[in-house]
Amino acid sequence: MAKKINELGIAAIVLLHRILTDEWIINREIDPLQDVQQPIKTVRDSSPSWGINYNRIGIMGFSAGDHFA
């Protein structure tokens, strides 16, 4: 999917995320949000050198990634 999005002239970054498990999860409602905050920060921090508009960063997901997004 990322390759197809790139063909449209849109930067697409693939993120592999951890699976929520009851063993380490503290708050099931906010842990996925916290997991996505760092990658977004990384993209924003790197946006000038990657040629990405800082103000036009979005997120989408498929399957389990949809819940993550």
C-alpha atoms as a PDB file:
ATOM      1  CA  MET A   1       0.000   0.000   0.000  1.00  0.00           C
ATOM      2  CA  ALA A   2       2.839   2.411   0.840  1.00  0.00           C
ATOM      3  CA  LYS A   3       4.345   1.951  -2.633  1.00  0.00           C
ATOM      4  CA  LYS A   4       1.019   2.800  -4.284  1.00  0.00           C
ATOM      5  CA  ILE A   5       0.651   5.896  -2.107  1.00  0.00           C
ATOM      6  CA  ASN A   6       4.217   6.925  -2.999  1.00  0.00           C
ATOM      7  CA  GLU A   7       3.306   6.641  -6.688  1.00  0.00           C
ATOM      8  CA  LEU A   8       0.688   9.351  -6.059  1.00  0.00           C
ATOM      9  CA  GLY A   9       3.421  11.674  -4.788  1.00  0.00           C
ATOM     10  CA  ILE A  10       2.535  11.203  -1.142  1.00  0.00           C
ATOM     11  CA  ALA A  11       5.183  10.199   1.379  1.00  0.00           C
ATOM     12  CA  ALA A  12       4.168   6.961   3.091  1.00  0.00           C
ATOM     13  CA  ILE A  13       6.058   5.524   6.021  1.00  0.00           C
ATOM     14  CA  VAL A  14       5.458   1.975   7.218  1.00  0.00           C
ATOM     15  CA  LEU A  15       5.327   1.544  10.977  1.00  0.00           C
ATOM     16  CA  LEU A  16       5.532  -1.797  12.705  1.00  0.00           C
ATOM     17  CA  HIS A  17       3.866  -1.643  16.085  1.00  0.00           C
ATOM     18  CA  ARG A  18       3.756  -3.854  19.120  1.00  0.00           C
ATOM     19  CA  ILE A  19       0.726  -5.973  19.922  1.00  0.00           C
ATOM     20  CA  LEU A  20      -1.156  -5.135  23.105  1.00  0.00           C
ATOM     21  CA  THR A  21      -0.792  -7.850  25.706  1.00  0.00           C
ATOM     22  CA  ASP A  22      -2.297  -7.975  29.170  1.00  0.00           C
ATOM     23  CA  GLU A  23       1.138  -8.715  30.662  1.00  0.00           C
ATOM     24  CA  TRP A  24       2.556  -5.199  30.202  1.00  0.00           C
ATOM     25  CA  ILE A  25      -0.394  -2.974  29.356  1.00  0.00           C
ATOM     26  CA  ILE A  26      -1.235  -0.312  31.914  1.00  0.00           C
ATOM     27  CA  ASN A  27      -4.184   1.444  30.288  1.00  0.00           C
ATOM     28  CA  ARG A  28      -5.735  -0.231  27.237  1.00  0.00           C
ATOM     29  CA  GLU A  29      -7.391   3.037  26.170  1.00  0.00           C
ATOM     30  CA  ILE A  30      -4.258   5.205  25.921  1.00  0.00           C
ATOM     31  CA  ASP A  31      -1.356   2.790  25.301  1.00  0.00           C
ATOM     32  CA  PRO A  32      -1.989   2.653  21.508  1.00  0.00           C
ATOM     33  CA  LEU A  33      -2.032   6.458  21.416  1.00  0.00           C
ATOM     34  CA  GLN A  34       1.269   6.604  23.250  1.00  0.00           C
ATOM     35  CA  ASP A  35       2.740   4.083  20.802  1.00  0.00           C
ATOM     36  CA  VAL A  36       1.910   6.357  17.856  1.00  0.00           C
ATOM     37  CA  GLN A  37       3.076   9.624  19.428  1.00  0.00           C
ATOM     38  CA  GLN A  38       6.793   8.836  19.069  1.00  0.00           C
ATOM     39  CA  PRO A  39       6.672   7.899  15.353  1.00  0.00           C
ATOM     40  CA  ILE A  40       4.708  11.080  14.585  1.00  0.00           C
ATOM     41  CA  LYS A  41       7.305  13.099  16.503  1.00  0.00           C
ATOM     42  CA  THR A  42      10.068  11.375  14.531  1.00  0.00           C
ATOM     43  CA  VAL A  43       8.385  12.221  11.208  1.00  0.00           C
ATOM     44  CA  ARG A  44       7.808  15.836  12.274  1.00  0.00           C
ATOM     45  CA  ASP A  45      11.399  16.216  13.474  1.00  0.00           C
ATOM     46  CA  SER A  46      12.718  14.708  10.225  1.00  0.00           C
ATOM     47  CA  SER A  47      10.226  16.409   7.904  1.00  0.00           C
ATOM     48  CA  PRO A  48      12.593  19.104   6.560  1.00  0.00           C
ATOM     49  CA  SER A  49      15.246  16.609   5.486  1.00  0.00           C
ATOM     50  CA  TRP A  50      12.635  14.143   4.188  1.00  0.00           C
ATOM     51  CA  GLY A  51      10.782  16.804   2.170  1.00  0.00           C
ATOM     52  CA  ILE A  52       7.554  16.365   4.131  1.00  0.00           C
ATOM     53  CA  ASN A  53       5.249  19.274   5.015  1.00  0.00           C
ATOM     54  CA  TYR A  54       5.223  19.409   8.825  1.00  0.00           C
ATOM     55  CA  ASN A  55       1.610  20.602   8.877  1.00  0.00           C
ATOM     56  CA  ARG A  56       0.283  17.850   6.596  1.00  0.00           C
ATOM     57  CA  ILE A  57       1.081  14.658   8.459  1.00  0.00           C
ATOM     58  CA  GLY A  58      -1.660  12.069   8.835  1.00  0.00           C
ATOM     59  CA  ILE A  59      -2.022   8.480   9.880  1.00  0.00           C
ATOM     60  CA  MET A  60      -4.019   5.531   8.584  1.00  0.00           C
ATOM     61  CA  GLY A  61      -3.987   1.859   9.257  1.00  0.00           C
ATOM     62  CA  PHE A  62      -5.328  -1.451   8.036  1.00  0.00           C
ATOM     63  CA  SER A  63      -6.539  -4.429  10.033  1.00  0.00           C
ATOM     64  CA  ALA A  64      -4.885  -4.270  13.475  1.00  0.00           C
ATOM     65  CA  GLY A  65      -3.133  -1.087  12.328  1.00  0.00           C
ATOM     66  CA  ASP A  66      -6.542   0.518  11.855  1.00  0.00           C
ATOM     67  CA  HIS A  67      -7.177   0.202  15.575  1.00  0.00           C
ATOM     68  CA  PHE A  68      -3.699   1.607  16.177  1.00  0.00           C
ATOM     69  CA  ALA A  69      -4.340   4.578  13.876  1.00  0.00           C
END
